[in-house]
Amino acid sequence: MHWQVSDPVCSTGQGTSDTQNPLVHVNPSAHPLPRRQAHPSSPSMQPPLPEPSTCAPVEVPVPLLPDDEPAPPVTVLEPSSVSAPDAESTPEAPEVAASPPLVDQLSPELSGGPMGSTEPHPASRSISGVHRTPSMLAAWEMAERIEFYRAGDDYGEFSNFSRHPIDLGGHTWPTTEHYFQAMKFEDPALRERIRNAPSPGEAARMGRRLPGLRDDWEAVKEDVMMDALRAKFTQHDKCRRRLLQTGDAQLVEHTRNDVYWADGGDGRGKNRLGALLMQLRDELRDR
């Protein structure tokens, strides 16, 4: 190592003499000191960006095939030049039979006669121009059912207790119940007594309790009832319109107090009053 005395510049930038501030200068070529490594991310360590090239592109020769023949040209098909697959080579989808109409899939009882037949079922009944089979009638009767009993309730006009006088047999009867109960007896005095009863309820009690019931009463009682109903629904326009407005609905006198004229309350009764009203409705409709 060689030591030399020099006149360096101090930190203030001013020179000094050898005697004032002698410094020792180390020759870097004789003994180089290690330098601090710069961080790789330092700008001084990044390689310079290449200058944009201004050279023309270099053509790279394509190697030939082993037999020294040039490669065949590649043909690009345009969309219009692509042909559809041959129809004969495409397998056809199997034909599926069309489903029969829903009416043909119903049972013979619901669709009419035999399967798919348009003939009505032998046991069907035409209601308002529509043939209804027994099973359809059962469902219809449950859906279209009108019940009546008391004169003050809805459809009270169908009750024999409704205050609609009738002229029949040369007399005026306050209600159809008065007439029906009086006809149980052959004695004119008993009939007049019942006709003058203050209420239909009292006329009914007299007809059940007075002695002298006619012998043929069970055979003629429905005819007597029909005569009273026919007089009522022909002599009172409001009652007739009300009956015709029921359409094809089933009419039922609903009470447990009577199992012959009503349904007995549980459907086991005969409902003969309702049946006669429906019969009368058909008569009035055909007029």
Protein backbone atom coordinates (compact mmCIF):
# COMPACT_ATOMS: atom_id res chain seq x y z
CA MET A 1 0.00 0.00 0.00
CA HIS A 2 1.33 3.40 -0.96
CA TRP A 3 0.50 6.43 1.15
CA GLN A 4 0.52 9.85 -0.37
CA VAL A 5 -0.05 13.27 1.12
CA SER A 6 -2.36 15.45 -0.98
CA ASP A 7 -4.15 18.72 -0.69
CA PRO A 8 -7.78 17.67 -0.80
CA VAL A 9 -10.86 19.84 -0.62
CA CYS A 10 -12.57 19.83 2.71
CA SER A 11 -16.26 19.69 3.25
CA THR A 12 -16.39 23.47 2.92
CA GLY A 13 -14.86 23.33 -0.56
CA GLN A 14 -11.74 25.29 0.44
CA GLY A 15 -8.19 23.98 0.14
CA THR A 16 -5.72 23.71 3.03
CA SER A 17 -1.95 23.49 3.21
CA ASP A 18 -0.01 20.42 4.11
CA THR A 19 0.96 21.92 7.42
CA GLN A 20 -2.55 23.11 8.33
CA ASN A 21 -4.62 19.92 7.69
CA PRO A 22 -2.68 17.13 6.11
CA LEU A 23 -4.86 14.25 4.89
CA VAL A 24 -3.89 10.77 3.95
CA HIS A 25 -4.95 9.75 0.46
CA VAL A 26 -5.31 6.12 -0.43
CA ASN A 27 -4.68 5.11 -3.99
CA PRO A 28 -7.75 3.14 -5.08
CA SER A 29 -5.87 1.37 -7.81
CA ALA A 30 -3.41 0.03 -5.31
CA HIS A 31 -5.99 -1.20 -2.83
CA PRO A 32 -9.62 -0.84 -4.02
CA LEU A 33 -12.23 -0.59 -1.30
CA PRO A 34 -15.44 -2.64 -1.49
CA ARG A 35 -18.41 -0.76 -2.92
CA ARG A 36 -21.97 -0.83 -1.59
CA GLN A 37 -24.18 -2.92 -3.82
CA ALA A 38 -27.16 -1.16 -5.22
CA HIS A 39 -30.67 -2.68 -4.80
CA PRO A 40 -31.87 -4.52 -7.89
CA SER A 41 -34.88 -2.21 -8.04
CA SER A 42 -32.68 0.84 -8.18
CA PRO A 43 -32.96 2.71 -11.48
CA SER A 44 -29.21 2.53 -11.90
CA MET A 45 -29.41 -1.28 -11.93
CA GLN A 46 -32.18 -1.57 -14.52
CA PRO A 47 -30.95 -2.40 -18.01
CA PRO A 48 -31.47 0.31 -20.56
CA LEU A 49 -34.52 0.00 -22.78
CA PRO A 50 -33.69 -1.10 -26.30
CA GLU A 51 -33.99 1.44 -28.99
CA PRO A 52 -36.93 0.94 -31.33
CA SER A 53 -35.85 -1.15 -34.23
CA THR A 54 -35.94 0.37 -37.64
CA CYS A 55 -34.80 -2.73 -39.43
CA ALA A 56 -36.98 -4.50 -41.98
CA PRO A 57 -38.56 -7.84 -40.92
CA VAL A 58 -36.38 -10.85 -41.57
CA GLU A 59 -37.94 -13.60 -43.63
CA VAL A 60 -37.37 -16.98 -42.05
CA PRO A 61 -37.36 -19.75 -44.62
CA VAL A 62 -39.93 -22.50 -44.06
CA PRO A 63 -38.34 -25.95 -44.07
CA LEU A 64 -39.47 -28.20 -46.87
CA LEU A 65 -41.05 -31.58 -46.48
CA PRO A 66 -38.82 -34.59 -46.36
CA ASP A 67 -39.37 -35.18 -50.09
CA ASP A 68 -38.27 -31.60 -50.82
CA GLU A 69 -41.73 -30.64 -52.05
CA PRO A 70 -43.46 -27.46 -50.95
CA ALA A 71 -46.34 -27.77 -48.49
CA PRO A 72 -49.77 -27.82 -50.10
CA PRO A 73 -51.70 -24.61 -49.83
CA VAL A 74 -54.28 -24.28 -47.04
CA THR A 75 -57.79 -23.68 -48.28
CA VAL A 76 -60.04 -21.50 -46.08
CA LEU A 77 -63.73 -22.23 -46.57
CA GLU A 78 -66.09 -19.31 -46.61
CA PRO A 79 -69.37 -19.68 -44.69
CA SER A 80 -71.35 -19.68 -47.93
CA SER A 81 -69.26 -22.51 -49.34
CA VAL A 82 -69.99 -24.91 -46.48
CA SER A 83 -72.69 -27.27 -47.66
CA ALA A 84 -75.37 -28.75 -45.41
CA PRO A 85 -75.15 -32.44 -44.58
CA ASP A 86 -76.85 -34.73 -46.96
CA ALA A 87 -80.43 -35.31 -45.96
CA GLU A 88 -80.17 -38.98 -46.89
CA SER A 89 -77.23 -39.49 -44.52
CA THR A 90 -79.04 -37.84 -41.57
CA PRO A 91 -81.12 -40.33 -39.55
CA GLU A 92 -84.74 -39.32 -39.27
CA ALA A 93 -86.36 -38.89 -35.85
CA PRO A 94 -88.95 -41.55 -35.06
CA GLU A 95 -92.52 -40.44 -35.58
CA VAL A 96 -94.54 -39.97 -32.39
CA ALA A 97 -98.23 -40.63 -32.61
CA ALA A 98 -100.38 -37.67 -31.65
CA SER A 99 -102.24 -37.99 -28.35
CA PRO A 100 -106.00 -38.44 -28.73
CA PRO A 101 -108.23 -35.62 -27.52
CA LEU A 102 -108.95 -35.52 -23.83
CA VAL A 103 -112.57 -36.44 -24.36
CA ASP A 104 -111.44 -39.70 -26.02
CA GLN A 105 -109.32 -40.57 -22.99
CA LEU A 106 -112.26 -40.41 -20.60
CA SER A 107 -114.11 -43.50 -19.53
CA PRO A 108 -117.19 -44.51 -21.54
CA GLU A 109 -119.40 -43.34 -18.69
CA LEU A 110 -117.99 -39.79 -18.81
CA SER A 111 -117.39 -39.41 -22.53
CA GLY A 112 -120.74 -40.76 -23.64
CA GLY A 113 -121.02 -44.14 -25.30
CA PRO A 114 -118.00 -46.27 -26.29
CA MET A 115 -114.51 -44.82 -26.08
CA GLY A 116 -114.33 -41.74 -28.31
CA SER A 117 -117.98 -42.02 -29.32
CA THR A 118 -120.08 -38.89 -29.64
CA GLU A 119 -123.30 -40.73 -28.84
CA PRO A 120 -124.80 -39.94 -25.41
CA HIS A 121 -124.66 -42.51 -22.67
CA PRO A 122 -127.82 -44.70 -22.63
CA ALA A 123 -128.50 -43.74 -19.00
CA SER A 124 -127.68 -40.06 -19.47
CA ARG A 125 -130.22 -37.29 -19.05
CA SER A 126 -130.29 -34.09 -21.07
CA ILE A 127 -130.24 -31.01 -18.84
CA SER A 128 -130.23 -27.62 -20.55
CA GLY A 129 -129.12 -29.30 -23.78
CA VAL A 130 -126.19 -31.15 -22.12
CA HIS A 131 -126.24 -34.92 -21.69
CA ARG A 132 -125.22 -35.85 -18.16
CA THR A 133 -124.35 -39.43 -17.20
CA PRO A 134 -125.35 -40.91 -13.83
CA SER A 135 -121.98 -40.08 -12.25
CA MET A 136 -122.09 -36.56 -13.70
CA LEU A 137 -125.63 -36.15 -12.37
CA ALA A 138 -124.49 -37.14 -8.89
CA ALA A 139 -121.74 -34.51 -8.92
CA TRP A 140 -124.12 -31.95 -10.42
CA GLU A 141 -126.75 -32.58 -7.75
CA MET A 142 -124.20 -32.00 -5.00
CA ALA A 143 -123.00 -28.75 -6.60
CA GLU A 144 -126.48 -27.44 -7.62
CA ARG A 145 -128.56 -27.99 -4.51
CA ILE A 146 -131.09 -25.54 -3.09
CA GLU A 147 -132.45 -26.21 0.37
CA PHE A 148 -135.56 -24.60 1.82
CA TYR A 149 -137.76 -25.07 4.88
CA ARG A 150 -138.97 -21.97 6.72
CA ALA A 151 -141.17 -19.39 5.03
CA GLY A 152 -138.99 -16.56 6.27
CA ASP A 153 -135.74 -18.01 4.88
CA ASP A 154 -134.31 -17.77 1.39
CA TYR A 155 -136.54 -19.61 -1.10
CA GLY A 156 -139.30 -19.42 1.51
CA GLU A 157 -141.83 -19.28 -1.34
CA PHE A 158 -141.33 -23.04 -1.72
CA SER A 159 -142.60 -23.68 1.80
CA ASN A 160 -146.25 -24.60 2.26
CA PHE A 161 -146.33 -22.18 5.16
CA SER A 162 -145.67 -19.14 2.94
CA ARG A 163 -148.51 -16.65 2.93
CA HIS A 164 -149.69 -17.05 -0.65
CA PRO A 165 -153.46 -17.66 -0.76
CA ILE A 166 -154.82 -19.96 -3.46
CA ASP A 167 -158.27 -20.30 -5.05
CA LEU A 168 -159.10 -23.97 -5.40
CA GLY A 169 -162.28 -26.08 -5.14
CA GLY A 170 -164.52 -23.04 -4.94
CA HIS A 171 -162.76 -21.60 -1.86
CA THR A 172 -159.86 -19.35 -1.04
CA TRP A 173 -157.26 -20.97 1.17
CA PRO A 174 -154.80 -18.85 3.16
CA THR A 175 -151.91 -21.18 2.36
CA THR A 176 -151.27 -24.42 0.54
CA GLU A 177 -150.87 -26.03 3.98
CA HIS A 178 -154.49 -25.10 4.83
CA TYR A 179 -155.73 -26.78 1.67
CA PHE A 180 -153.58 -29.90 2.03
CA GLN A 181 -154.62 -30.56 5.66
CA ALA A 182 -158.30 -29.95 4.95
CA MET A 183 -158.33 -32.49 2.12
CA LYS A 184 -157.52 -35.27 4.60
CA PHE A 185 -161.22 -35.34 5.54
CA GLU A 186 -164.41 -36.01 3.70
CA ASP A 187 -166.51 -34.02 6.20
CA PRO A 188 -167.12 -30.47 4.81
CA ALA A 189 -167.39 -29.10 8.36
CA LEU A 190 -163.89 -30.32 9.24
CA ARG A 191 -162.53 -28.88 6.01
CA GLU A 192 -164.06 -25.50 6.77
CA ARG A 193 -162.75 -25.57 10.30
CA ILE A 194 -159.22 -26.15 9.04
CA ARG A 195 -159.59 -23.52 6.32
CA ASN A 196 -160.30 -20.93 9.00
CA ALA A 197 -157.29 -21.87 11.13
CA PRO A 198 -155.37 -18.73 12.17
CA SER A 199 -152.03 -20.04 10.92
CA PRO A 200 -150.61 -22.77 8.73
CA GLY A 201 -149.02 -24.31 11.82
CA GLU A 202 -152.41 -24.58 13.53
CA ALA A 203 -153.94 -26.05 10.35
CA ALA A 204 -151.19 -28.72 10.35
CA ARG A 205 -151.85 -29.63 13.99
CA MET A 206 -155.58 -29.97 13.33
CA GLY A 207 -155.01 -32.16 10.31
CA ARG A 208 -152.84 -34.55 12.37
CA ARG A 209 -155.14 -34.74 15.40
CA LEU A 210 -158.73 -34.62 14.16
CA PRO A 211 -160.41 -38.00 13.67
CA GLY A 212 -162.01 -39.13 10.41
CA LEU A 213 -158.98 -39.45 8.08
CA ARG A 214 -160.18 -40.55 4.65
CA ASP A 215 -159.38 -44.13 3.65
CA ASP A 216 -157.63 -43.34 0.37
CA TRP A 217 -155.43 -40.62 1.79
CA GLU A 218 -152.09 -42.38 1.25
CA ALA A 219 -152.99 -43.03 -2.39
CA VAL A 220 -154.10 -39.48 -3.20
CA LYS A 221 -151.99 -37.28 -0.93
CA GLU A 222 -149.34 -36.53 -3.59
CA ASP A 223 -152.02 -35.56 -6.13
CA VAL A 224 -153.55 -33.24 -3.53
CA MET A 225 -150.18 -31.67 -2.84
CA MET A 226 -149.51 -31.20 -6.57
CA ASP A 227 -152.90 -29.49 -7.04
CA ALA A 228 -152.06 -27.04 -4.25
CA LEU A 229 -148.57 -26.32 -5.65
CA ARG A 230 -149.84 -25.86 -9.19
CA ALA A 231 -152.45 -23.36 -7.98
CA LYS A 232 -149.87 -21.42 -5.96
CA PHE A 233 -147.18 -21.15 -8.64
CA THR A 234 -149.62 -20.28 -11.40
CA GLN A 235 -151.65 -17.74 -9.44
CA HIS A 236 -148.62 -15.86 -8.05
CA ASP A 237 -146.18 -14.56 -10.65
CA LYS A 238 -143.46 -13.92 -8.09
CA CYS A 239 -143.52 -17.54 -6.97
CA ARG A 240 -143.46 -18.80 -10.56
CA ARG A 241 -140.46 -16.63 -11.47
CA ARG A 242 -138.65 -17.69 -8.35
CA LEU A 243 -139.15 -21.34 -9.20
CA LEU A 244 -138.00 -20.94 -12.81
CA GLN A 245 -134.91 -19.02 -11.70
CA THR A 246 -133.60 -22.15 -9.99
CA GLY A 247 -132.72 -23.54 -13.43
CA ASP A 248 -131.84 -27.21 -13.11
CA ALA A 249 -130.87 -27.13 -9.44
CA GLN A 250 -132.01 -29.86 -7.11
CA LEU A 251 -134.67 -28.58 -4.73
CA VAL A 252 -134.63 -30.11 -1.24
CA GLU A 253 -136.86 -29.48 1.75
CA HIS A 254 -134.22 -29.81 4.41
CA THR A 255 -135.44 -30.74 7.90
CA ARG A 256 -135.23 -33.67 10.27
CA ASN A 257 -138.92 -33.23 11.16
CA ASP A 258 -140.16 -35.05 8.05
CA VAL A 259 -138.80 -38.09 6.27
CA TYR A 260 -141.44 -38.23 3.55
CA TRP A 261 -141.91 -34.72 2.22
CA ALA A 262 -138.41 -33.62 3.32
CA ASP A 263 -134.94 -35.17 3.38
CA GLY A 264 -135.05 -36.10 7.06
CA GLY A 265 -132.15 -33.78 7.78
CA ASP A 266 -129.51 -36.37 6.82
CA GLY A 267 -130.54 -37.14 3.24
CA ARG A 268 -132.35 -40.38 4.04
CA GLY A 269 -135.78 -38.82 3.57
CA LYS A 270 -137.74 -39.07 0.31
CA ASN A 271 -137.90 -35.30 -0.32
CA ARG A 272 -141.21 -35.67 -2.15
CA LEU A 273 -142.06 -31.97 -1.84
CA GLY A 274 -138.81 -31.05 -3.56
CA ALA A 275 -139.44 -33.65 -6.25
CA LEU A 276 -142.94 -32.28 -6.96
CA LEU A 277 -141.59 -28.74 -7.18
CA MET A 278 -139.00 -29.83 -9.74
CA GLN A 279 -141.74 -31.60 -11.71
CA LEU A 280 -143.85 -28.46 -11.62
CA ARG A 281 -140.84 -26.40 -12.73
CA ASP A 282 -140.55 -28.53 -15.86
CA GLU A 283 -144.24 -28.01 -16.58
CA LEU A 284 -143.99 -24.25 -16.25
CA ARG A 285 -140.87 -24.17 -18.40
CA ASP A 286 -142.58 -26.01 -21.26
CA ARG A 287 -145.54 -23.62 -21.34
